[in-house]
Amino acid sequence: MLHSTPQMATPPDLAEVLDHVSGGVIVVDARGEVAHANAEARTLLAPGRPDAAAVRDLLARLDARARQGRAASQSDPRSGPQFGPRSGPDSPTLVELASGRVVGGAWKARATGGGVLTLVEMGAHLRTLELAHTDPLTGLSNRAELRRRLGDLLAPPQPRALSVLFIDLDRFKAVNDTLGHPMGDALLGKVADRLRSVTRQDDVVARMGGDEFAIIQPGSSGPEASEALAQRLVEVAGRAYAIEGHVLNIGASIGISMAPADGTDPDDLLKKADLALYGAKAAGRNTFRFFDAGMEARLQARRALELELRKALALRQFRLMYQPQVNLATGQVSGFEALLRWVHPERGVVPPADFVPLAEELGVIVPVGEWVLREACREAASWPEGIGVAVNISPVQFRSPRLFDSVAAALTQSRIDPARLELEITEGALLHDTDVVLEVLNRVRSLGVRVSMDDFGTGYSSLSYLQRFPFDRIKIDQSFVRGPGALDDKTAIVRAIASLGASMGMRTTAEGVETAEQMERMRAEGCTEVQGYLTGRPLSPEDVARRLAQPPLPPGTGTIP
């Protein structure tokens, strides 16, 4: 057997240098014997010996791997390379050693015979590469890896048929906000497990960031397979999660794009799946939608609306209208609710339902809400004493640290009696960070303003909030005044709310009153005020004075002339 011999050893000074080189170095002489193996080479090959046989075996394995990678020579790698000028791999090749270490090896032949084999341990590097393509929280592929895999599958000349599913978790933010990010992270891990459980081995499952996931489903040439997977995903994601003593309920909205039907460009397919996801959310969430061409047009229209909405405040396109609130005992106007309108130069009057949710999503509602407070107080300052103004406060405004200062500034600038300003909030403002919101309400209340709960009766926790905060008024949702449903049942609910309000010292206002019969029913059941088209449609600031000059509304009559 060939082996290292003392007379063929590397000179001492060079041997010392090689021992300090990063990586393993094995010098082989023209006879195929190991002239020198530095310290790191000896460590990498332990418990084997860096003799000629060990090196020959290692080179054979490296050569075989290199040949497989290049799909070149078909020679039998078991014969092993001869230590000649053209033998062995000439570029770094990965191989696993008997010790379990993964090394990259390269052989550099010398014209005079023999050569140098260099080895670099790759384990840590490979782990780094793996982490670079893996989401550390869930162990799924990350965004970059999904994009790479999608590019590979769609590469010409034969892009594969596939579908891309974008998944967004519904109500996940509420978990983070109420139970904290550690609980949210644990929930994401559970969701990832469920996604794995319903996908195939060749599907690519990735976390895109936050609470968004994506799946590549290769071989999906028609919508049937994608629809079946989407239905399954919605079903498993919507099951209750038991984590650390908490039972959590979320859902999933899914958007789907398909290749080649929707194109074969990776970025374009991802964009279209995202558009379809937006369509699923718009359809009520906890469902799925396939991409269609109209989605892009709707997105462009939405983006145009976003740009115009951001400019609307600076261009003074917002207006306030005021709807009367009438005291049932006296028939007189007791106050007005300020209603926001967007008067667009081309679109005309944009309904609040079309732009307020978008303003909340963009955060634009905060400066707009501050303007509403200032303008409503400024207008109300010119009204007779005792006539109040109610302003709706968005849940987004409660998450802004500026709310208290905004209310205080509006009162100071208008010099209005604080008791004439009423802030209306919905249960949505209290659902998340309830303690924080209640603290803000108490600070605002300390200024002397009044606070009412709007749309009372539509939420599941309305009663509990009445116990935690002394509201001045309860506004009964219009669904209990009119609309579908058994009249006796709605009347019983109104009676119960009015009785509850009276027992807690809170006024009760019935919204949406449109007929004299409805108004008399609200009076009979104990409501203190009504608001609706019967007692007055929203008025311009100029018409408020004329409305206040009109006589009180007698019981049982129609709209005030």
Protein backbone atom coordinates (compact mmCIF):
# COMPACT_ATOMS: atom_id res chain seq x y z
CA MET A 1 0.00 0.00 0.00
CA LEU A 2 1.17 3.49 -0.75
CA HIS A 3 1.91 5.54 2.29
CA SER A 4 3.66 8.69 3.44
CA THR A 5 7.41 8.35 3.89
CA PRO A 6 9.70 10.59 5.91
CA GLN A 7 12.05 11.22 2.98
CA MET A 8 9.15 12.55 0.85
CA ALA A 9 7.77 14.89 3.53
CA THR A 10 7.21 18.57 2.87
CA PRO A 11 10.06 20.84 4.05
CA PRO A 12 9.56 21.84 7.71
CA ASP A 13 9.12 25.56 7.03
CA LEU A 14 6.46 24.93 4.38
CA ALA A 15 4.74 22.33 6.57
CA GLU A 16 4.46 24.91 9.34
CA VAL A 17 2.93 27.41 6.94
CA LEU A 18 0.39 24.88 5.66
CA ASP A 19 -0.65 24.05 9.21
CA HIS A 20 -1.81 27.64 9.57
CA VAL A 21 -3.75 27.70 6.30
CA SER A 22 -7.54 27.83 6.60
CA GLY A 23 -8.86 24.56 5.19
CA GLY A 24 -7.38 21.14 4.71
CA VAL A 25 -4.40 20.73 2.37
CA ILE A 26 -3.03 17.37 1.23
CA VAL A 27 0.08 17.32 -0.97
CA VAL A 28 0.48 14.21 -3.13
CA ASP A 29 3.78 13.49 -4.87
CA ALA A 30 4.33 12.03 -8.34
CA ARG A 31 4.31 8.46 -6.96
CA GLY A 32 0.86 8.96 -5.42
CA GLU A 33 2.13 9.12 -1.87
CA VAL A 34 0.99 11.71 0.67
CA ALA A 35 3.89 14.10 1.08
CA HIS A 36 2.08 16.21 3.64
CA ALA A 37 -1.35 16.65 5.24
CA ASN A 38 -1.80 19.78 7.31
CA ALA A 39 -3.46 19.85 10.72
CA GLU A 40 -6.97 20.68 9.45
CA ALA A 41 -6.84 17.90 6.84
CA ARG A 42 -5.94 15.41 9.55
CA THR A 43 -8.87 16.67 11.67
CA LEU A 44 -11.33 16.49 8.80
CA LEU A 45 -10.35 12.94 7.84
CA ALA A 46 -10.23 11.59 11.41
CA PRO A 47 -10.59 8.82 12.42
CA GLY A 48 -9.24 7.79 9.01
CA ARG A 49 -5.62 8.41 8.00
CA PRO A 50 -4.61 10.84 5.23
CA ASP A 51 -2.54 8.19 3.44
CA ALA A 52 -2.55 7.40 -0.26
CA ALA A 53 -5.48 4.95 0.01
CA ALA A 54 -7.64 7.38 1.92
CA VAL A 55 -6.85 10.18 -0.51
CA ARG A 56 -7.48 7.92 -3.52
CA ASP A 57 -10.88 6.93 -2.12
CA LEU A 58 -11.79 10.54 -1.38
CA LEU A 59 -10.78 11.67 -4.86
CA ALA A 60 -12.84 8.87 -6.39
CA ARG A 61 -15.90 10.02 -4.52
CA LEU A 62 -15.28 13.66 -5.42
CA ASP A 63 -14.78 12.70 -9.04
CA ALA A 64 -18.02 10.70 -9.09
CA ARG A 65 -19.98 13.60 -7.61
CA ALA A 66 -18.43 16.02 -10.08
CA ARG A 67 -19.30 13.74 -12.99
CA GLN A 68 -22.89 13.44 -11.80
CA GLY A 69 -23.17 17.19 -11.46
CA ARG A 70 -21.79 17.82 -14.95
CA ALA A 71 -23.65 14.89 -16.49
CA ALA A 72 -20.50 14.41 -18.51
CA SER A 73 -18.25 11.34 -18.59
CA GLN A 74 -19.88 7.94 -18.16
CA SER A 75 -16.71 6.20 -16.95
CA ASP A 76 -16.93 4.01 -13.92
CA PRO A 77 -16.01 6.16 -10.90
CA ARG A 78 -15.26 3.09 -8.80
CA SER A 79 -11.95 2.67 -10.62
CA GLY A 80 -10.83 5.93 -9.04
CA PRO A 81 -8.70 8.58 -10.69
CA GLN A 82 -5.02 8.12 -11.34
CA PHE A 83 -2.85 10.83 -9.87
CA GLY A 84 -1.98 12.41 -13.19
CA PRO A 85 -2.13 15.90 -14.63
CA ARG A 86 -5.71 15.53 -15.96
CA SER A 87 -7.29 13.27 -13.34
CA GLY A 88 -9.68 14.15 -10.54
CA PRO A 89 -12.27 16.94 -10.18
CA ASP A 90 -10.97 20.35 -11.18
CA SER A 91 -13.61 22.40 -9.31
CA PRO A 92 -14.96 22.26 -5.74
CA THR A 93 -17.35 19.35 -5.21
CA LEU A 94 -19.34 18.45 -2.08
CA VAL A 95 -19.04 15.05 -0.46
CA GLU A 96 -19.94 13.63 2.96
CA LEU A 97 -17.11 11.99 4.90
CA ALA A 98 -17.37 8.91 7.09
CA SER A 99 -17.30 11.21 10.12
CA GLY A 100 -20.52 12.90 8.94
CA ARG A 101 -18.77 16.11 7.97
CA VAL A 102 -19.65 17.65 4.60
CA VAL A 103 -16.60 18.98 2.76
CA GLY A 104 -15.97 20.72 -0.49
CA GLY A 105 -12.92 19.26 -2.21
CA ALA A 106 -10.87 20.35 -5.22
CA TRP A 107 -7.92 18.54 -6.86
CA LYS A 108 -5.21 20.54 -8.60
CA ALA A 109 -2.88 18.32 -10.64
CA ARG A 110 0.77 19.24 -11.25
CA ALA A 111 2.42 18.85 -14.66
CA THR A 112 5.31 16.92 -13.05
CA GLY A 113 2.91 14.46 -11.40
CA GLY A 114 0.93 14.38 -8.20
CA GLY A 115 -0.97 17.45 -7.05
CA VAL A 116 -2.69 19.19 -4.18
CA LEU A 117 -6.09 18.29 -2.70
CA THR A 118 -7.79 21.11 -0.78
CA LEU A 119 -10.72 20.51 1.57
CA VAL A 120 -13.11 23.00 3.17
CA GLU A 121 -15.71 22.02 5.76
CA MET A 122 -19.09 23.14 4.40
CA GLY A 123 -21.48 22.14 7.17
CA ALA A 124 -21.82 25.59 8.73
CA HIS A 125 -21.99 27.20 5.29
CA LEU A 126 -24.73 24.84 4.16
CA ARG A 127 -26.68 25.50 7.34
CA THR A 128 -26.40 29.22 6.65
CA LEU A 129 -27.61 28.67 3.10
CA GLU A 130 -30.51 26.61 4.39
CA LEU A 131 -31.49 29.33 6.85
CA ALA A 132 -31.30 31.88 4.06
CA HIS A 133 -34.07 29.97 2.28
CA THR A 134 -36.11 29.00 5.33
CA ASP A 135 -38.50 30.94 7.53
CA PRO A 136 -37.00 30.57 11.04
CA LEU A 137 -40.35 30.73 12.83
CA THR A 138 -42.26 28.05 10.94
CA GLY A 139 -39.55 26.07 9.14
CA LEU A 140 -41.34 26.67 5.84
CA SER A 141 -39.66 28.11 2.77
CA ASN A 142 -39.34 31.88 2.84
CA ARG A 143 -40.35 34.44 0.23
CA ALA A 144 -37.01 34.30 -1.60
CA GLU A 145 -37.05 30.51 -1.82
CA LEU A 146 -40.62 30.44 -3.08
CA ARG A 147 -39.74 32.97 -5.77
CA ARG A 148 -36.69 30.91 -6.79
CA ARG A 149 -38.67 27.67 -6.96
CA LEU A 150 -41.40 29.37 -8.95
CA GLY A 151 -38.82 30.70 -11.38
CA ASP A 152 -37.35 27.21 -11.82
CA LEU A 153 -40.77 25.67 -12.50
CA LEU A 154 -41.67 28.33 -15.04
CA ALA A 155 -38.30 28.47 -16.78
CA PRO A 156 -38.38 28.08 -20.57
CA PRO A 157 -38.42 26.21 -22.83
CA GLN A 158 -41.05 24.11 -21.05
CA PRO A 159 -42.69 26.00 -18.16
CA ARG A 160 -44.77 23.68 -16.01
CA ALA A 161 -48.48 24.02 -15.38
CA LEU A 162 -49.06 25.10 -11.79
CA SER A 163 -51.12 27.26 -9.49
CA VAL A 164 -50.06 29.83 -6.90
CA LEU A 165 -52.18 30.27 -3.78
CA PHE A 166 -51.77 33.36 -1.58
CA ILE A 167 -53.13 32.91 1.95
CA ASP A 168 -53.86 35.68 4.45
CA LEU A 169 -55.08 34.86 7.96
CA ASP A 170 -58.31 36.55 9.02
CA ARG A 171 -58.55 37.98 12.54
CA PHE A 172 -54.91 37.16 13.28
CA LYS A 173 -54.14 40.74 14.32
CA ALA A 174 -56.68 40.48 17.14
CA VAL A 175 -54.65 37.59 18.61
CA ASN A 176 -51.42 39.61 18.50
CA ASP A 177 -53.10 42.70 19.95
CA THR A 178 -54.92 40.98 22.79
CA LEU A 179 -52.66 38.05 23.72
CA GLY A 180 -49.24 39.28 22.59
CA HIS A 181 -46.73 38.40 19.89
CA PRO A 182 -45.47 35.16 21.52
CA MET A 183 -49.00 33.77 21.29
CA GLY A 184 -49.22 35.02 17.71
CA ASP A 185 -45.93 33.27 16.86
CA ALA A 186 -47.19 30.02 18.39
CA LEU A 187 -50.35 30.32 16.32
CA LEU A 188 -48.34 30.83 13.12
CA GLY A 189 -46.44 27.64 13.87
CA LYS A 190 -49.72 25.73 14.25
CA VAL A 191 -51.01 27.18 10.98
CA ALA A 192 -47.81 26.10 9.21
CA ASP A 193 -48.30 22.54 10.49
CA ARG A 194 -51.83 22.47 9.11
CA LEU A 195 -50.72 23.79 5.73
CA ARG A 196 -48.12 21.02 5.53
CA SER A 197 -50.74 18.42 6.46
CA VAL A 198 -52.94 19.14 3.43
CA THR A 199 -50.27 19.64 0.76
CA ARG A 200 -48.32 17.13 -1.32
CA GLN A 201 -44.62 16.43 -1.09
CA ASP A 202 -43.82 18.33 -4.29
CA ASP A 203 -45.91 21.37 -3.32
CA VAL A 204 -43.91 24.36 -2.11
CA VAL A 205 -45.27 25.88 1.11
CA ALA A 206 -43.83 29.23 2.20
CA ARG A 207 -44.38 31.95 4.74
CA MET A 208 -44.23 35.28 2.95
CA GLY A 209 -44.00 37.34 6.14
CA GLY A 210 -46.40 38.42 8.90
CA ASP A 211 -49.54 36.30 8.66
CA GLU A 212 -49.24 35.69 4.91
CA PHE A 213 -48.43 32.31 3.37
CA ALA A 214 -48.16 30.99 -0.20
CA ILE A 215 -48.27 27.60 -1.88
CA ILE A 216 -47.03 26.52 -5.30
CA GLN A 217 -49.06 23.57 -6.58
CA PRO A 218 -47.18 22.02 -9.55
CA GLY A 219 -49.09 20.02 -12.12
CA SER A 220 -52.33 21.92 -11.62
CA SER A 221 -53.49 22.44 -15.20
CA GLY A 222 -57.13 23.12 -14.32
CA PRO A 223 -59.01 24.92 -11.54
CA GLU A 224 -60.47 21.77 -9.98
CA ALA A 225 -57.34 20.72 -8.05
CA SER A 226 -56.63 24.27 -6.92
CA GLU A 227 -60.22 24.77 -5.81
CA ALA A 228 -60.14 21.52 -3.84
CA LEU A 229 -56.91 22.56 -2.11
CA ALA A 230 -58.24 26.06 -1.37
CA GLN A 231 -61.42 24.66 0.16
CA ARG A 232 -59.36 22.32 2.30
CA LEU A 233 -57.07 25.15 3.40
CA VAL A 234 -60.00 27.37 4.39
CA GLU A 235 -61.49 24.48 6.34
CA VAL A 236 -58.36 23.44 8.27
CA ALA A 237 -57.19 27.00 8.95
CA GLY A 238 -60.62 27.85 10.35
CA ARG A 239 -60.65 25.10 12.96
CA ALA A 240 -60.18 26.24 16.55
CA TYR A 241 -56.62 26.27 17.94
CA ALA A 242 -55.88 25.33 21.55
CA ILE A 243 -52.67 27.07 22.65
CA GLU A 244 -51.53 27.53 26.25
CA GLY A 245 -55.04 27.35 27.65
CA HIS A 246 -56.52 29.68 25.04
CA VAL A 247 -58.96 28.66 22.32
CA LEU A 248 -58.25 30.79 19.25
CA ASN A 249 -60.45 31.18 16.19
CA ILE A 250 -59.17 32.65 12.95
CA GLY A 251 -59.87 32.12 9.27
CA ALA A 252 -58.11 32.26 5.92
CA SER A 253 -58.67 34.23 2.72
CA ILE A 254 -57.04 32.82 -0.42
CA GLY A 255 -56.23 34.19 -3.86
CA ILE A 256 -55.29 31.88 -6.74
CA SER A 257 -53.48 32.45 -10.03
CA MET A 258 -52.64 29.74 -12.57
CA ALA A 259 -50.00 29.07 -15.17
CA PRO A 260 -50.18 29.10 -18.10
CA ALA A 261 -53.74 30.51 -18.09
CA ASP A 262 -52.73 33.68 -16.21
CA GLY A 263 -49.22 33.84 -17.68
CA THR A 264 -45.83 32.27 -17.07
CA ASP A 265 -43.89 35.19 -15.59
CA PRO A 266 -43.19 34.42 -11.89
CA ASP A 267 -43.59 37.98 -10.61
CA ASP A 268 -46.75 38.50 -12.65
CA LEU A 269 -48.29 35.30 -11.26
CA LEU A 270 -47.48 36.36 -7.69
CA LYS A 271 -49.04 39.76 -8.32
CA LYS A 272 -52.19 38.19 -9.76
CA ALA A 273 -52.53 35.79 -6.81
CA ASP A 274 -52.27 38.82 -4.53
CA LEU A 275 -55.00 40.59 -6.52
CA ALA A 276 -57.20 37.52 -6.20
CA LEU A 277 -56.53 37.51 -2.44
CA TYR A 278 -57.77 41.08 -2.25
CA GLY A 279 -60.91 39.91 -4.07
CA ALA A 280 -61.43 37.17 -1.47
CA LYS A 281 -61.16 39.71 1.33
CA ALA A 282 -63.62 42.01 -0.40
CA ALA A 283 -66.04 39.07 -0.72
CA GLY A 284 -66.25 38.74 3.05
CA ARG A 285 -63.06 36.82 3.94
CA ASN A 286 -62.75 33.15 4.93
CA THR A 287 -63.12 32.19 1.28
CA PHE A 288 -61.08 32.00 -1.95
CA ARG A 289 -61.11 33.65 -5.34
CA PHE A 290 -59.41 32.94 -8.67
CA PHE A 291 -57.76 35.80 -10.52
CA ASP A 292 -59.78 37.42 -13.27
CA ALA A 293 -58.90 40.28 -15.58
CA GLY A 294 -61.38 42.65 -13.93
CA MET A 295 -59.44 42.50 -10.67
CA GLU A 296 -56.56 44.48 -12.13
CA ALA A 297 -58.93 47.20 -13.34
CA ARG A 298 -60.55 47.36 -9.91
CA LEU A 299 -57.14 47.59 -8.27
CA GLN A 300 -56.17 50.48 -10.52
CA ALA A 301 -59.43 52.21 -9.64
CA ARG A 302 -58.74 51.67 -5.95
CA ARG A 303 -55.22 53.06 -6.25
CA ALA A 304 -56.57 56.09 -8.05
CA LEU A 305 -59.07 56.55 -5.22
CA GLU A 306 -56.24 56.23 -2.69
CA LEU A 307 -54.24 59.00 -4.36
CA GLU A 308 -57.27 61.28 -4.55
CA LEU A 309 -58.24 60.53 -0.95
CA ARG A 310 -54.76 61.46 0.28
CA LYS A 311 -55.10 64.85 -1.46
CA ALA A 312 -58.74 65.51 -0.54
CA LEU A 313 -58.02 67.14 2.83
CA ALA A 314 -55.41 69.51 1.43
CA LEU A 315 -57.75 70.42 -1.44
CA ARG A 316 -60.62 71.12 1.01
CA GLN A 317 -62.94 68.57 -0.56
CA PHE A 318 -64.49 67.36 2.72
CA ARG A 319 -67.74 68.79 4.04
CA LEU A 320 -69.82 68.23 7.15
CA MET A 321 -73.57 67.70 7.16
CA TYR A 322 -75.63 67.72 10.36
CA GLN A 323 -78.55 65.38 11.13
CA PRO A 324 -80.97 66.52 13.87
CA GLN A 325 -81.53 64.51 17.04
CA VAL A 326 -84.99 65.19 18.50
CA ASN A 327 -86.03 64.93 22.15
CA LEU A 328 -89.19 62.78 22.31
CA ALA A 329 -90.51 64.51 25.41
CA THR A 330 -90.38 68.04 24.00
CA GLY A 331 -90.25 67.50 20.23
CA GLN A 332 -87.33 69.92 20.07
CA VAL A 333 -83.94 69.45 18.50
CA SER A 334 -81.43 68.58 21.23
CA GLY A 335 -78.38 68.32 19.01
CA PHE A 336 -76.92 67.25 15.68
CA GLU A 337 -74.71 64.42 14.53
CA ALA A 338 -71.86 65.57 12.27
CA LEU A 339 -71.70 63.43 9.12
CA LEU A 340 -68.64 63.46 6.86
CA ARG A 341 -69.04 63.89 3.10
CA TRP A 342 -66.41 63.88 0.35
CA VAL A 343 -67.36 66.25 -2.46
CA HIS A 344 -65.14 65.20 -5.36
CA PRO A 345 -64.90 67.56 -8.36
CA GLU A 346 -65.44 64.69 -10.83
CA ARG A 347 -66.96 61.83 -8.83
CA GLY A 348 -69.50 64.04 -7.10
CA VAL A 349 -70.48 63.19 -3.51
CA VAL A 350 -68.64 60.01 -2.53
CA PRO A 351 -70.65 57.97 0.04
CA PRO A 352 -68.86 57.44 3.37
CA ALA A 353 -69.10 53.66 2.93
CA ASP A 354 -66.94 54.00 -0.18
CA PHE A 355 -64.09 55.95 1.37
CA VAL A 356 -64.11 55.76 5.19
CA PRO A 357 -62.92 52.09 5.35
CA LEU A 358 -60.18 52.97 2.84
CA ALA A 359 -59.23 56.05 4.87
CA GLU A 360 -58.96 53.85 7.97
CA GLU A 361 -56.81 51.31 6.14
CA LEU A 362 -54.46 54.03 4.89
CA GLY A 363 -54.33 55.89 8.19
CA VAL A 364 -55.72 59.00 6.48
CA ILE A 365 -58.69 58.88 8.86
CA VAL A 366 -56.53 60.32 11.67
CA PRO A 367 -55.90 63.78 10.10
CA VAL A 368 -59.40 63.74 8.58
CA GLY A 369 -60.89 62.94 11.99
CA GLU A 370 -58.95 65.80 13.55
CA TRP A 371 -60.37 68.16 10.91
CA VAL A 372 -63.91 66.87 11.64
CA LEU A 373 -63.46 67.59 15.35
CA ARG A 374 -62.23 71.14 14.72
CA GLU A 375 -64.87 71.92 12.10
CA ALA A 376 -67.78 70.47 14.09
CA CYS A 377 -66.81 72.40 17.20
CA ARG A 378 -66.31 75.58 15.20
CA GLU A 379 -69.77 75.27 13.63
CA ALA A 380 -71.48 74.31 16.90
CA ALA A 381 -70.02 77.35 18.65
CA SER A 382 -72.45 79.50 16.63
CA TRP A 383 -75.50 77.47 17.65
CA PRO A 384 -77.70 78.29 20.66
CA GLU A 385 -76.48 77.16 24.07
CA GLY A 386 -77.68 73.68 24.92
CA ILE A 387 -77.53 72.40 21.33
CA GLY A 388 -74.81 69.78 21.16
CA VAL A 389 -72.82 68.18 18.35
CA ALA A 390 -71.91 64.49 18.11
CA VAL A 391 -68.76 63.38 16.26
CA ASN A 392 -67.97 59.82 15.25
CA ILE A 393 -64.51 58.63 16.30
CA SER A 394 -62.93 55.86 14.23
CA PRO A 395 -61.31 52.88 15.99
CA VAL A 396 -58.11 53.86 14.17
CA GLN A 397 -58.15 57.24 15.92
CA PHE A 398 -58.05 55.49 19.28
CA ARG A 399 -54.77 53.87 18.29
CA SER A 400 -53.32 57.30 17.63
CA PRO A 401 -51.66 58.99 20.61
CA ARG A 402 -52.98 62.33 19.32
CA LEU A 403 -56.69 61.82 20.11
CA PHE A 404 -56.73 63.49 23.53
CA ASP A 405 -54.73 66.46 22.26
CA SER A 406 -56.96 66.75 19.19
CA VAL A 407 -60.11 66.94 21.31
CA ALA A 408 -58.53 69.43 23.70
CA ALA A 409 -57.32 71.61 20.80
CA ALA A 410 -60.75 71.60 19.12
CA LEU A 411 -62.40 72.74 22.37
CA THR A 412 -59.81 75.45 22.96
CA GLN A 413 -59.93 76.85 19.42
CA SER A 414 -63.75 76.94 19.26
CA ARG A 415 -64.29 77.98 22.90
CA ILE A 416 -67.31 75.70 22.97
CA ASP A 417 -68.64 74.35 26.26
CA PRO A 418 -67.10 70.82 26.48
CA ALA A 419 -70.48 69.43 27.58
CA ARG A 420 -71.86 70.28 24.13
CA LEU A 421 -69.39 67.94 22.40
CA GLU A 422 -70.22 64.25 22.26
CA LEU A 423 -67.90 61.56 20.93
CA GLU A 424 -69.59 58.54 19.37
CA ILE A 425 -67.68 55.24 19.38
CA THR A 426 -68.65 51.80 18.14
CA GLU A 427 -67.89 48.48 19.76
CA GLY A 428 -65.20 47.99 17.13
CA ALA A 429 -63.09 50.61 18.92
CA LEU A 430 -63.26 48.58 22.13
CA LEU A 431 -62.64 45.10 20.75
CA HIS A 432 -58.84 45.43 20.69
CA ASP A 433 -56.71 46.91 23.47
CA THR A 434 -59.87 47.53 25.50
CA ASP A 435 -58.00 48.74 28.59
CA VAL A 436 -56.00 51.24 26.53
CA VAL A 437 -59.15 52.57 24.83
CA LEU A 438 -60.97 52.91 28.15
CA GLU A 439 -58.03 54.84 29.53
CA VAL A 440 -58.21 57.23 26.58
CA LEU A 441 -61.97 57.59 27.05
CA ASN A 442 -61.52 58.46 30.71
CA ARG A 443 -58.90 61.09 29.83
CA VAL A 444 -61.21 62.60 27.22
CA ARG A 445 -64.10 62.46 29.66
CA SER A 446 -62.02 64.46 32.13
CA LEU A 447 -62.20 67.39 29.68
CA GLY A 448 -65.96 67.51 30.26
CA VAL A 449 -67.09 66.03 26.93
CA ARG A 450 -69.77 63.37 26.68
CA VAL A 451 -69.32 59.87 25.24
CA SER A 452 -71.91 57.63 23.58
CA MET A 453 -71.89 54.06 22.27
CA ASP A 454 -73.08 53.92 18.68
CA ASP A 455 -74.85 50.96 17.01
CA PHE A 456 -75.63 49.43 20.39
CA GLY A 457 -76.91 45.85 20.31
CA THR A 458 -75.00 44.68 17.23
CA GLY A 459 -71.92 43.43 19.13
CA TYR A 460 -71.57 40.50 21.48
CA SER A 461 -69.87 42.44 24.30
CA SER A 462 -71.90 45.64 24.38
CA LEU A 463 -73.29 45.00 27.86
CA SER A 464 -69.89 44.30 29.37
CA TYR A 465 -68.60 47.65 28.06
CA LEU A 466 -71.49 49.50 29.74
CA GLN A 467 -70.29 48.07 33.05
CA ARG A 468 -66.72 49.27 32.49
CA PHE A 469 -67.40 52.81 31.28
CA PRO A 470 -70.16 55.31 32.19
CA PHE A 471 -71.46 56.22 28.74
CA ASP A 472 -73.74 59.25 28.54
CA ARG A 473 -75.86 57.88 25.73
CA ILE A 474 -76.74 54.58 24.06
CA LYS A 475 -77.61 54.81 20.37
CA ILE A 476 -79.88 51.91 19.39
CA ASP A 477 -78.92 50.49 16.02
CA GLN A 478 -81.43 51.12 13.23
CA SER A 479 -81.79 47.38 12.60
CA PHE A 480 -83.99 47.24 15.74
CA VAL A 481 -86.10 50.15 14.52
CA ARG A 482 -86.82 49.07 10.95
CA GLY A 483 -85.78 46.47 8.41
CA PRO A 484 -86.43 42.70 8.26
CA GLY A 485 -87.26 40.70 11.33
CA ALA A 486 -90.20 40.13 13.68
CA LEU A 487 -91.53 43.45 14.96
CA ASP A 488 -92.38 42.05 18.40
CA ASP A 489 -88.83 40.77 18.86
CA LYS A 490 -87.30 44.09 17.84
CA THR A 491 -89.69 46.00 20.08
CA ALA A 492 -88.75 43.80 23.03
CA ILE A 493 -85.05 44.50 22.41
CA VAL A 494 -85.64 48.26 22.19
CA ARG A 495 -87.66 48.12 25.43
CA ALA A 496 -84.86 46.22 27.20
CA ILE A 497 -82.15 48.65 25.99
CA ALA A 498 -84.21 51.71 26.94
CA SER A 499 -84.89 50.24 30.39
CA LEU A 500 -81.21 49.43 30.83
CA GLY A 501 -80.25 52.96 29.84
CA ALA A 502 -82.73 54.50 32.25
CA SER A 503 -81.49 52.34 35.12
CA MET A 504 -77.89 53.40 34.43
CA GLY A 505 -78.68 57.09 33.91
CA MET A 506 -77.97 56.98 30.15
CA ARG A 507 -80.04 58.58 27.41
CA THR A 508 -81.20 56.29 24.59
CA THR A 509 -81.44 57.46 20.98
CA ALA A 510 -83.14 55.32 18.33
CA GLU A 511 -81.49 55.66 14.93
CA GLY A 512 -83.05 55.27 11.50
CA VAL A 513 -86.57 56.44 12.37
CA GLU A 514 -88.41 57.06 9.09
CA THR A 515 -92.13 56.89 9.94
CA ALA A 516 -94.43 58.39 12.55
CA GLU A 517 -95.38 54.87 13.63
CA GLN A 518 -91.74 54.01 14.31
CA MET A 519 -91.28 57.22 16.29
CA GLU A 520 -94.34 56.56 18.45
CA ARG A 521 -93.17 53.00 19.09
CA MET A 522 -89.75 54.28 20.23
CA ARG A 523 -91.48 56.78 22.53
CA ALA A 524 -93.72 54.07 23.98
CA GLU A 525 -90.76 51.81 24.71
CA GLY A 526 -88.93 54.48 26.70
CA CYS A 527 -86.38 55.97 24.26
CA THR A 528 -85.46 59.56 25.04
CA GLU A 529 -84.53 60.71 21.51
CA VAL A 530 -84.84 59.73 17.88
CA GLN A 531 -82.78 60.41 14.78
CA GLY A 532 -83.68 59.68 11.16
CA TYR A 533 -85.28 60.95 7.99
CA LEU A 534 -88.61 61.53 9.75
CA THR A 535 -87.18 64.21 12.01
CA GLY A 536 -84.69 65.56 9.53
CA ARG A 537 -82.29 64.61 6.76
CA PRO A 538 -78.65 65.70 7.01
CA LEU A 539 -78.44 69.48 6.67
CA SER A 540 -75.77 71.85 5.41
CA PRO A 541 -74.30 74.23 8.00
CA GLU A 542 -76.38 77.05 6.47
CA ASP A 543 -79.62 75.09 6.95
CA VAL A 544 -78.99 74.26 10.62
CA ALA A 545 -80.04 77.72 11.78
CA ARG A 546 -83.30 77.53 9.78
CA ARG A 547 -84.00 74.08 11.25
CA LEU A 548 -83.50 75.36 14.79
CA ALA A 549 -85.93 78.19 14.13
CA GLN A 550 -88.77 75.77 13.29
CA PRO A 551 -91.38 74.82 15.92
CA PRO A 552 -91.13 71.59 17.93
CA LEU A 553 -92.42 68.37 16.40
CA PRO A 554 -95.86 67.45 17.89
CA PRO A 555 -96.36 63.80 18.83
CA GLY A 556 -97.70 61.56 16.04
CA THR A 557 -96.89 63.91 13.18
CA GLY A 558 -94.69 63.41 10.16
CA THR A 559 -91.55 65.21 9.10
CA ILE A 560 -91.16 68.78 10.30
CA PRO A 561 -91.77 71.14 7.36
